[in-house]
Amino acid sequence: MPQYALLAGPLMSMLDSSIVNVAIAPIAKEMGASLQDVQWVTSGYLLALGTGLASTSFLARRFGTLGVYTTGMLAFTIASALCALAPTIDLLVAARILQGLTGATLVPLAMSMLMGSSGASQNISPLAGMLLFLGPALGPSLGGLLIGTFGWRSIFLVNLPVGLLAVLAARAIPTGIAPGPRPGARLDTFGLALLALGLFGLLLGLDRGESGTWSQSVSWLPLGVGALLLIGYVAHARHVAQPALDLRIFRDRGAALSFGLCAAASVAAWSILFLLPVFLQQVQGYTALMAGIALLPQGILTGLGTVVGQQIADRIGVRRTVLIGFAVLLAASLGLLAVDSGTSLWLTSMVLAARSAAIGLVITPLLTVVNLHLRPDEQADANTVFNVVQRIAASLGIGLLAGLFTAESTSAGPVTALHDVAVTVAALAGVATVCSAFLPRTPRSDGVPVRPTS
């Protein structure tokens, strides 16, 4: 039960990042809204989710990791009910923004408690590893099934029993696995404003860029302002005793390199996860449900990869494990060159599964390096930074590679466009493979292996 409570929150948050994508048309039809207005149902959630990360670390310090996580899970469930009951598009967008803000704490705080004070995934079972990475892949297929059977409101109603049961199960979570509240924690108001507004501007610019408007002010203006605000926050945080988000972890070379490699893995994973369903439906003619089913094996194998990755790192070290993972990602990304308009769905699914297994292989060892020298009270900051980096990298990768795909599709056709994206992602994996050689050799400074439970 405790592990269910720690997994349900991240799974709901990640599911709701992708499940609504297949509901855009039904929502627009029922509410008589334009597709541009309905798009804010997705964009508003993602922007609020990214912006809400700015306050996660302070809330965890001030009120305790477990208390904030449980409250966030209850608030997310209530917001889901509001989404399902929304009578107009404006109220639906408002409810989605509330859902994103309340869901921001779920992934980083659950990661902190699951990984424990050792900084390794010693408490994560294979099932837990699968569930943590199944959300993005499960979203389109589950969304298509629910909408086809019960209507679009069901994609929000499904969160109610899951969330309420998780809140009840959270009472069984041992308090010792998470730092308690620190009443003396101070709110860095100015830093929080810089960080929240900077993340909002950056993510808004990236979101607009995904629509192919990189050259227009609607993309580059918020992107530039957001970047300047984040640079201002970095300068501010260096001179504050209790910054909104502690960035001192970047002083460790191994941790900084791990964040960079995690960003590379996010670009490689999310860009293809975004483009392949479009290719499968528009070029190969599959339904949204069939495209979603084709993505399921990659979610399962990513989860298994996270477990196997830590076990391999225990034996041969982080450096070799991550290097092998990126080398496999390089080869599997080149496997997308075999995909064309007539490729069978099972072959495409196998190529995606191989890529995802490779990404799973590198994630847990890299997180181990990030958390190598951290105290338990620093876990929330580290995992929040990880989620911020991952979200920005994913948005940037989707925006740039979706733009490349669109441009190449117009001039050379969608198959050539997909192949060009595959070569680009493979090149990124090649650079990451080389950089992996500079990681620490072992997962822990004391050399004691830490293994996931079975």
Protein backbone atom coordinates (compact mmCIF):
# COMPACT_ATOMS: atom_id res chain seq x y z
CA MET A 1 0.00 0.00 0.00
CA PRO A 2 2.71 2.59 0.77
CA GLN A 3 4.37 1.97 -2.58
CA TYR A 4 1.02 2.29 -4.36
CA ALA A 5 0.53 5.69 -2.73
CA LEU A 6 3.96 6.84 -3.93
CA LEU A 7 3.37 5.60 -7.47
CA ALA A 8 -0.22 6.72 -8.00
CA GLY A 9 0.60 10.44 -7.83
CA PRO A 10 3.37 10.45 -10.47
CA LEU A 11 1.39 8.08 -12.70
CA MET A 12 -1.69 10.35 -12.64
CA SER A 13 0.42 13.45 -13.26
CA MET A 14 2.26 11.91 -16.22
CA LEU A 15 -0.90 10.35 -17.66
CA ASP A 16 -2.63 13.71 -17.68
CA SER A 17 0.29 15.21 -19.59
CA SER A 18 -0.60 13.10 -22.63
CA ILE A 19 -4.07 11.61 -22.20
CA VAL A 20 -5.87 14.84 -23.16
CA ASN A 21 -4.13 15.01 -26.55
CA VAL A 22 -6.66 12.58 -28.03
CA ALA A 23 -9.62 14.50 -26.50
CA ILE A 24 -9.04 17.85 -28.22
CA ALA A 25 -11.52 17.25 -31.06
CA PRO A 26 -14.34 15.78 -28.87
CA ILE A 27 -14.03 18.65 -26.37
CA ALA A 28 -14.15 21.24 -29.15
CA LYS A 29 -17.23 19.61 -30.67
CA GLU A 30 -19.20 19.31 -27.42
CA MET A 31 -18.35 22.79 -26.12
CA GLY A 32 -18.56 24.57 -29.47
CA ALA A 33 -15.03 25.95 -29.01
CA SER A 34 -12.25 26.49 -31.52
CA LEU A 35 -9.33 24.07 -31.63
CA GLN A 36 -7.04 26.97 -30.69
CA ASP A 37 -9.02 27.58 -27.49
CA VAL A 38 -9.18 23.88 -26.66
CA GLN A 39 -5.41 23.58 -27.14
CA TRP A 40 -5.05 25.53 -23.88
CA VAL A 41 -6.53 22.51 -22.10
CA THR A 42 -3.18 20.84 -22.85
CA SER A 43 -0.89 23.88 -22.84
CA GLY A 44 -2.37 25.37 -19.65
CA TYR A 45 -1.77 22.13 -17.77
CA LEU A 46 1.83 21.76 -18.93
CA LEU A 47 2.65 25.41 -18.22
CA ALA A 48 1.13 25.23 -14.74
CA LEU A 49 2.90 21.94 -14.05
CA GLY A 50 6.28 23.41 -15.01
CA THR A 51 5.69 26.67 -13.15
CA GLY A 52 4.45 24.87 -10.03
CA LEU A 53 7.80 23.10 -9.75
CA ALA A 54 9.27 26.44 -8.62
CA SER A 55 7.57 26.22 -5.22
CA THR A 56 7.97 22.46 -4.66
CA SER A 57 11.25 22.59 -2.74
CA PHE A 58 10.15 25.37 -0.38
CA LEU A 59 6.83 23.64 0.36
CA ALA A 60 8.66 20.38 1.13
CA ARG A 61 11.08 22.17 3.49
CA ARG A 62 8.39 24.21 5.22
CA PHE A 63 5.64 21.61 5.61
CA GLY A 64 7.45 18.27 5.16
CA THR A 65 7.82 16.10 2.07
CA LEU A 66 5.12 13.56 2.95
CA GLY A 67 2.55 16.16 3.99
CA VAL A 68 3.00 18.21 0.81
CA TYR A 69 2.86 15.09 -1.37
CA THR A 70 -0.37 13.85 0.24
CA THR A 71 -1.99 17.29 0.06
CA GLY A 72 -0.94 17.65 -3.57
CA MET A 73 -2.44 14.26 -4.40
CA LEU A 74 -5.78 15.18 -2.78
CA ALA A 75 -5.83 18.59 -4.50
CA PHE A 76 -5.00 16.99 -7.86
CA THR A 77 -7.91 14.57 -7.43
CA ILE A 78 -10.31 17.41 -6.62
CA ALA A 79 -9.05 19.39 -9.62
CA SER A 80 -9.68 16.33 -11.80
CA ALA A 81 -13.30 16.28 -10.63
CA LEU A 82 -13.60 19.98 -11.51
CA CYS A 83 -12.26 19.22 -15.00
CA ALA A 84 -14.87 16.48 -15.50
CA LEU A 85 -17.71 18.78 -14.37
CA ALA A 86 -16.60 21.93 -16.25
CA PRO A 87 -19.55 23.29 -18.30
CA THR A 88 -17.54 25.72 -20.47
CA ILE A 89 -14.14 25.77 -22.13
CA ASP A 90 -12.95 28.67 -19.94
CA LEU A 91 -13.76 26.78 -16.74
CA LEU A 92 -12.16 23.63 -18.14
CA VAL A 93 -8.93 25.48 -18.89
CA ALA A 94 -8.99 27.03 -15.39
CA ALA A 95 -9.50 23.60 -13.82
CA ARG A 96 -6.64 22.18 -15.91
CA ILE A 97 -4.33 24.97 -14.72
CA LEU A 98 -5.29 24.13 -11.12
CA GLN A 99 -4.66 20.46 -11.90
CA GLY A 100 -1.19 21.29 -13.23
CA LEU A 101 -0.26 23.45 -10.24
CA THR A 102 -1.35 20.81 -7.73
CA GLY A 103 0.30 18.00 -9.71
CA ALA A 104 3.69 19.73 -9.85
CA THR A 105 4.81 18.33 -6.50
CA LEU A 106 3.86 14.71 -7.19
CA VAL A 107 6.75 13.44 -9.34
CA PRO A 108 9.78 15.05 -7.58
CA LEU A 109 8.55 14.35 -4.04
CA ALA A 110 7.56 10.76 -4.84
CA MET A 111 11.01 10.26 -6.38
CA SER A 112 12.64 11.62 -3.23
CA MET A 113 10.77 9.18 -1.00
CA LEU A 114 11.13 6.19 -3.34
CA MET A 115 14.88 6.69 -3.71
CA GLY A 116 15.46 7.23 -0.01
CA SER A 117 18.41 8.83 1.69
CA SER A 118 20.94 6.59 -0.06
CA GLY A 119 20.29 8.25 -3.38
CA ALA A 120 19.68 4.95 -5.15
CA SER A 121 16.51 3.19 -6.13
CA GLN A 122 16.79 0.58 -3.42
CA ASN A 123 13.03 0.51 -2.79
CA ILE A 124 11.82 0.49 -6.39
CA SER A 125 10.48 -2.86 -7.56
CA PRO A 126 10.30 -3.80 -11.26
CA LEU A 127 6.54 -3.07 -11.22
CA ALA A 128 7.20 0.36 -9.71
CA GLY A 129 9.82 1.10 -12.32
CA MET A 130 7.39 0.20 -15.09
CA LEU A 131 4.56 2.31 -13.67
CA LEU A 132 6.76 5.38 -13.21
CA PHE A 133 7.53 5.44 -16.93
CA LEU A 134 4.32 3.97 -18.33
CA GLY A 135 2.24 7.16 -18.09
CA PRO A 136 3.31 8.94 -21.30
CA ALA A 137 2.96 5.76 -23.37
CA LEU A 138 -0.32 4.71 -21.75
CA GLY A 139 -1.97 8.13 -22.14
CA PRO A 140 -2.99 8.03 -25.84
CA SER A 141 -4.26 4.44 -25.81
CA LEU A 142 -6.10 4.76 -22.49
CA GLY A 143 -7.52 8.11 -23.57
CA GLY A 144 -8.77 6.71 -26.87
CA LEU A 145 -10.40 3.74 -25.14
CA LEU A 146 -12.11 5.85 -22.45
CA ILE A 147 -13.32 8.52 -24.88
CA GLY A 148 -14.67 5.93 -27.33
CA THR A 149 -16.56 4.14 -24.54
CA PHE A 150 -17.62 6.78 -22.03
CA GLY A 151 -16.87 10.21 -23.54
CA TRP A 152 -14.08 12.72 -22.89
CA ARG A 153 -15.08 13.54 -19.31
CA SER A 154 -14.13 10.00 -18.29
CA ILE A 155 -10.42 10.75 -18.77
CA PHE A 156 -10.67 13.02 -15.72
CA LEU A 157 -13.16 10.93 -13.72
CA VAL A 158 -10.78 7.96 -13.80
CA ASN A 159 -8.45 9.93 -11.50
CA LEU A 160 -11.03 10.04 -8.69
CA PRO A 161 -10.90 6.41 -7.44
CA VAL A 162 -7.15 6.19 -8.11
CA GLY A 163 -6.42 9.44 -6.27
CA LEU A 164 -8.74 8.89 -3.30
CA LEU A 165 -7.39 5.38 -2.73
CA ALA A 166 -3.83 6.75 -2.94
CA VAL A 167 -4.62 9.43 -0.33
CA LEU A 168 -5.93 6.75 2.02
CA ALA A 169 -2.92 4.51 1.30
CA ALA A 170 -0.56 7.41 2.07
CA ARG A 171 -1.44 7.02 5.75
CA ALA A 172 0.64 3.83 5.72
CA ILE A 173 3.78 5.52 4.33
CA PRO A 174 6.50 5.45 7.01
CA THR A 175 7.28 8.99 8.12
CA GLY A 176 10.96 8.12 8.37
CA ILE A 177 11.46 7.90 4.59
CA ALA A 178 10.93 11.64 4.11
CA PRO A 179 12.28 14.77 5.85
CA GLY A 180 9.78 16.41 8.17
CA PRO A 181 8.79 20.09 8.24
CA ARG A 182 11.33 22.79 9.03
CA PRO A 183 9.37 25.65 10.67
CA GLY A 184 12.38 27.93 10.28
CA ALA A 185 12.40 27.58 6.49
CA ARG A 186 12.14 30.99 4.87
CA LEU A 187 10.28 31.86 1.71
CA ASP A 188 12.54 33.37 -0.94
CA THR A 189 9.78 35.52 -2.39
CA PHE A 190 11.87 37.35 -4.97
CA GLY A 191 13.65 34.19 -6.06
CA LEU A 192 10.39 32.28 -6.28
CA ALA A 193 8.92 35.01 -8.51
CA LEU A 194 11.98 34.97 -10.79
CA LEU A 195 11.96 31.18 -11.01
CA ALA A 196 8.19 30.78 -11.55
CA LEU A 197 7.91 33.56 -14.13
CA GLY A 198 11.10 32.40 -15.86
CA LEU A 199 9.86 28.83 -16.17
CA PHE A 200 6.45 30.04 -17.37
CA GLY A 201 7.99 32.25 -20.06
CA LEU A 202 10.45 29.61 -21.22
CA LEU A 203 7.85 26.84 -21.37
CA LEU A 204 5.31 29.14 -23.06
CA GLY A 205 7.83 30.04 -25.77
CA LEU A 206 8.71 26.38 -26.28
CA ASP A 207 5.03 25.43 -26.41
CA ARG A 208 4.35 28.07 -29.07
CA GLY A 209 7.44 26.94 -30.96
CA GLU A 210 6.02 23.42 -31.19
CA SER A 211 3.29 24.91 -33.38
CA GLY A 212 5.91 25.99 -35.94
CA THR A 213 6.12 29.67 -34.93
CA TRP A 214 9.79 29.87 -33.91
CA SER A 215 10.38 32.95 -36.07
CA GLN A 216 7.43 34.86 -34.62
CA SER A 217 7.40 37.01 -31.48
CA VAL A 218 4.75 34.77 -29.94
CA SER A 219 7.56 32.19 -29.46
CA TRP A 220 10.86 34.02 -29.16
CA LEU A 221 9.65 36.90 -26.96
CA PRO A 222 8.45 34.78 -23.98
CA LEU A 223 11.37 32.42 -24.60
CA GLY A 224 13.88 35.28 -24.33
CA VAL A 225 12.20 36.90 -21.32
CA GLY A 226 11.94 33.53 -19.56
CA ALA A 227 15.62 32.78 -20.19
CA LEU A 228 16.66 36.19 -18.83
CA LEU A 229 14.56 35.71 -15.70
CA LEU A 230 16.08 32.26 -15.10
CA ILE A 231 19.59 33.70 -15.54
CA GLY A 232 18.60 36.35 -13.01
CA TYR A 233 17.45 33.62 -10.62
CA VAL A 234 20.77 31.77 -10.93
CA ALA A 235 22.62 34.98 -9.99
CA HIS A 236 20.18 35.65 -7.14
CA ALA A 237 20.35 32.11 -5.70
CA ARG A 238 24.13 32.35 -5.24
CA HIS A 239 23.70 35.04 -2.58
CA VAL A 240 20.70 33.68 -0.65
CA ALA A 241 20.96 31.33 2.33
CA GLN A 242 17.68 29.56 1.53
CA PRO A 243 16.92 29.98 -2.20
CA ALA A 244 13.60 28.86 -3.63
CA LEU A 245 15.45 26.08 -5.46
CA ASP A 246 18.98 25.21 -4.38
CA LEU A 247 21.27 24.97 -7.42
CA ARG A 248 24.48 24.18 -5.55
CA ILE A 249 24.23 20.61 -6.77
CA PHE A 250 25.63 21.83 -10.11
CA ARG A 251 28.97 22.47 -8.39
CA ASP A 252 29.55 18.72 -8.48
CA ARG A 253 30.92 17.87 -11.93
CA GLY A 254 29.42 14.39 -11.97
CA ALA A 255 25.97 15.68 -11.01
CA ALA A 256 26.11 18.47 -13.60
CA LEU A 257 27.11 16.01 -16.33
CA SER A 258 24.32 13.66 -15.23
CA PHE A 259 21.77 16.43 -15.62
CA GLY A 260 23.08 17.13 -19.12
CA LEU A 261 22.85 13.46 -20.08
CA CYS A 262 19.35 13.23 -18.61
CA ALA A 263 18.41 16.20 -20.79
CA ALA A 264 19.79 14.41 -23.86
CA ALA A 265 17.79 11.29 -22.98
CA SER A 266 14.64 13.42 -22.57
CA VAL A 267 15.09 15.02 -26.00
CA ALA A 268 15.62 11.61 -27.59
CA ALA A 269 12.64 10.07 -25.81
CA TRP A 270 9.97 12.76 -25.99
CA SER A 271 10.58 13.98 -29.52
CA ILE A 272 9.98 10.52 -30.97
CA LEU A 273 7.11 9.85 -28.57
CA PHE A 274 5.48 13.02 -29.90
CA LEU A 275 6.14 12.43 -33.61
CA LEU A 276 5.55 8.68 -34.01
CA PRO A 277 1.81 8.69 -33.15
CA VAL A 278 1.33 11.43 -35.77
CA PHE A 279 3.29 9.40 -38.34
CA LEU A 280 1.42 6.18 -37.54
CA GLN A 281 -1.99 7.86 -37.95
CA GLN A 282 -1.41 10.31 -40.80
CA VAL A 283 1.05 8.32 -42.93
CA GLN A 284 0.39 4.67 -42.12
CA GLY A 285 -3.34 5.13 -41.52
CA TYR A 286 -3.69 3.56 -38.07
CA THR A 287 -6.32 4.70 -35.57
CA ALA A 288 -5.35 6.63 -32.43
CA LEU A 289 -6.07 3.53 -30.35
CA MET A 290 -3.81 1.30 -32.46
CA ALA A 291 -1.06 3.91 -32.36
CA GLY A 292 -1.39 4.05 -28.58
CA ILE A 293 -1.19 0.26 -28.30
CA ALA A 294 2.02 0.32 -30.37
CA LEU A 295 3.53 2.61 -27.73
CA LEU A 296 2.72 0.37 -24.76
CA PRO A 297 5.76 -1.96 -25.00
CA GLN A 298 8.13 0.99 -24.81
CA GLY A 299 6.63 2.12 -21.50
CA ILE A 300 7.01 -1.36 -20.03
CA LEU A 301 10.58 -1.77 -21.27
CA THR A 302 11.57 1.70 -20.05
CA GLY A 303 10.44 0.69 -16.58
CA LEU A 304 12.29 -2.63 -16.76
CA GLY A 305 15.34 -0.78 -18.04
CA THR A 306 15.40 1.43 -14.95
CA VAL A 307 15.59 -1.66 -12.73
CA VAL A 308 18.11 -3.53 -14.88
CA GLY A 309 20.19 -0.37 -15.26
CA GLN A 310 20.75 -0.09 -11.51
CA GLN A 311 21.56 -3.80 -11.21
CA ILE A 312 24.14 -3.54 -14.00
CA ALA A 313 25.60 -0.36 -12.48
CA ASP A 314 26.07 -2.21 -9.19
CA ARG A 315 28.30 -4.69 -11.02
CA ILE A 316 30.20 -2.73 -13.66
CA GLY A 317 29.76 0.88 -12.53
CA VAL A 318 27.72 3.87 -13.63
CA ARG A 319 30.09 4.96 -16.40
CA ARG A 320 29.98 1.72 -18.38
CA THR A 321 26.26 1.22 -17.81
CA VAL A 322 25.28 4.66 -19.10
CA LEU A 323 27.73 4.40 -22.01
CA ILE A 324 26.18 1.07 -23.03
CA GLY A 325 22.69 2.55 -22.70
CA PHE A 326 23.41 5.49 -24.99
CA ALA A 327 25.20 3.23 -27.47
CA VAL A 328 22.08 1.05 -27.66
CA LEU A 329 19.97 4.21 -28.03
CA LEU A 330 22.19 5.27 -30.94
CA ALA A 331 21.73 1.93 -32.72
CA ALA A 332 17.97 1.75 -31.99
CA SER A 333 17.40 5.32 -33.22
CA LEU A 334 19.09 4.40 -36.50
CA GLY A 335 16.61 1.50 -36.60
CA LEU A 336 13.91 4.12 -37.32
CA LEU A 337 15.47 4.38 -40.80
CA ALA A 338 13.71 1.06 -41.53
CA VAL A 339 10.30 2.63 -40.84
CA ASP A 340 8.37 3.87 -43.89
CA SER A 341 4.75 4.19 -44.99
CA GLY A 342 4.29 0.43 -45.25
CA THR A 343 6.24 -0.82 -42.22
CA SER A 344 4.29 -3.23 -40.03
CA LEU A 345 3.13 -1.95 -36.66
CA TRP A 346 4.91 -4.68 -34.71
CA LEU A 347 8.29 -3.80 -36.26
CA THR A 348 7.83 -0.11 -35.46
CA SER A 349 6.82 -1.08 -31.93
CA MET A 350 9.95 -3.21 -31.51
CA VAL A 351 12.22 -0.38 -32.62
CA LEU A 352 10.53 1.99 -30.16
CA ALA A 353 10.78 -0.62 -27.41
CA ALA A 354 14.54 -1.01 -27.96
CA ARG A 355 14.99 2.76 -27.76
CA SER A 356 12.97 2.94 -24.55
CA ALA A 357 14.84 0.08 -22.91
CA ALA A 358 18.06 1.96 -23.61
CA ILE A 359 16.69 5.18 -22.10
CA GLY A 360 15.54 3.27 -19.03
CA LEU A 361 19.00 1.79 -18.76
CA VAL A 362 20.62 5.20 -18.22
CA ILE A 363 18.05 6.98 -16.02
CA THR A 364 18.53 5.24 -12.66
CA PRO A 365 22.37 5.25 -12.72
CA LEU A 366 22.34 8.95 -13.64
CA LEU A 367 19.95 9.73 -10.77
CA THR A 368 22.31 7.81 -8.50
CA VAL A 369 25.16 10.11 -9.49
CA VAL A 370 22.98 13.19 -8.97
CA ASN A 371 22.05 12.09 -5.44
CA LEU A 372 25.47 10.68 -4.58
CA HIS A 373 26.52 13.17 -1.88
CA LEU A 374 23.14 14.61 -0.89
CA ARG A 375 21.56 14.70 2.55
CA PRO A 376 17.91 13.57 2.83
CA ASP A 377 16.74 17.20 3.17
CA GLU A 378 18.41 18.02 -0.17
CA GLN A 379 16.56 15.32 -2.10
CA ALA A 380 13.54 17.50 -2.92
CA ASP A 381 15.76 20.19 -4.49
CA ALA A 382 17.73 17.66 -6.54
CA ASN A 383 14.68 15.85 -7.86
CA THR A 384 12.87 19.12 -8.58
CA VAL A 385 15.88 20.35 -10.58
CA PHE A 386 15.89 17.01 -12.40
CA ASN A 387 12.22 17.41 -13.33
CA VAL A 388 12.72 21.03 -14.44
CA VAL A 389 15.67 20.03 -16.65
CA GLN A 390 13.75 17.07 -18.03
CA ARG A 391 10.65 19.15 -18.81
CA ILE A 392 12.57 21.97 -20.51
CA ALA A 393 14.68 19.52 -22.51
CA ALA A 394 11.62 17.56 -23.59
CA SER A 395 9.78 20.71 -24.70
CA LEU A 396 12.85 21.98 -26.56
CA GLY A 397 13.39 18.63 -28.27
CA ILE A 398 9.75 18.35 -29.32
CA GLY A 399 9.70 21.92 -30.61
CA LEU A 400 12.90 21.74 -32.63
CA LEU A 401 12.44 18.25 -34.04
CA ALA A 402 8.74 18.77 -34.74
CA GLY A 403 9.76 21.86 -36.70
CA LEU A 404 12.34 19.83 -38.60
CA PHE A 405 9.76 17.12 -39.30
CA THR A 406 7.19 19.64 -40.56
CA ALA A 407 9.66 21.44 -42.82
CA GLU A 408 11.05 18.23 -44.30
CA SER A 409 7.57 16.77 -44.76
CA THR A 410 6.62 19.72 -46.94
CA SER A 411 9.70 19.52 -49.14
CA ALA A 412 10.66 15.83 -49.17
CA GLY A 413 7.74 13.90 -47.69
CA PRO A 414 6.99 12.50 -44.21
CA VAL A 415 9.11 9.35 -44.54
CA THR A 416 12.26 11.34 -45.35
CA ALA A 417 11.34 13.76 -42.56
CA LEU A 418 11.12 10.92 -40.04
CA HIS A 419 14.48 9.57 -41.18
CA ASP A 420 16.10 12.99 -40.80
CA VAL A 421 14.75 13.23 -37.26
CA ALA A 422 16.07 9.72 -36.55
CA VAL A 423 19.56 10.67 -37.74
CA THR A 424 19.47 13.83 -35.60
CA VAL A 425 18.44 11.88 -32.49
CA ALA A 426 21.10 9.23 -33.23
CA ALA A 427 23.74 11.97 -33.48
CA LEU A 428 22.64 13.33 -30.10
CA ALA A 429 22.88 9.81 -28.63
CA GLY A 430 26.39 9.53 -30.12
CA VAL A 431 27.51 12.75 -28.39
CA ALA A 432 25.97 11.52 -25.13
CA THR A 433 27.83 8.21 -25.49
CA VAL A 434 31.15 10.06 -25.69
CA CYS A 435 30.26 12.33 -22.74
CA SER A 436 29.32 9.27 -20.65
CA ALA A 437 33.00 8.35 -20.52
CA PHE A 438 33.52 11.24 -18.07
CA LEU A 439 31.02 9.98 -15.47
CA PRO A 440 32.18 8.49 -12.13
CA ARG A 441 33.04 4.81 -12.28
CA THR A 442 30.98 3.56 -9.34
CA PRO A 443 27.42 4.28 -8.20
CA ARG A 444 28.39 5.08 -4.61
CA SER A 445 31.40 6.68 -3.01
CA ASP A 446 31.68 3.83 -0.50
CA GLY A 447 31.52 1.21 -3.22
CA VAL A 448 28.57 -0.58 -1.60
CA PRO A 449 26.04 -1.66 -4.20
CA VAL A 450 22.40 -0.77 -3.73
CA ARG A 451 19.91 -3.02 -5.42
CA PRO A 452 16.20 -2.66 -6.20
CA THR A 453 13.88 -5.08 -4.50
CA SER A 454 12.36 -7.81 -6.62
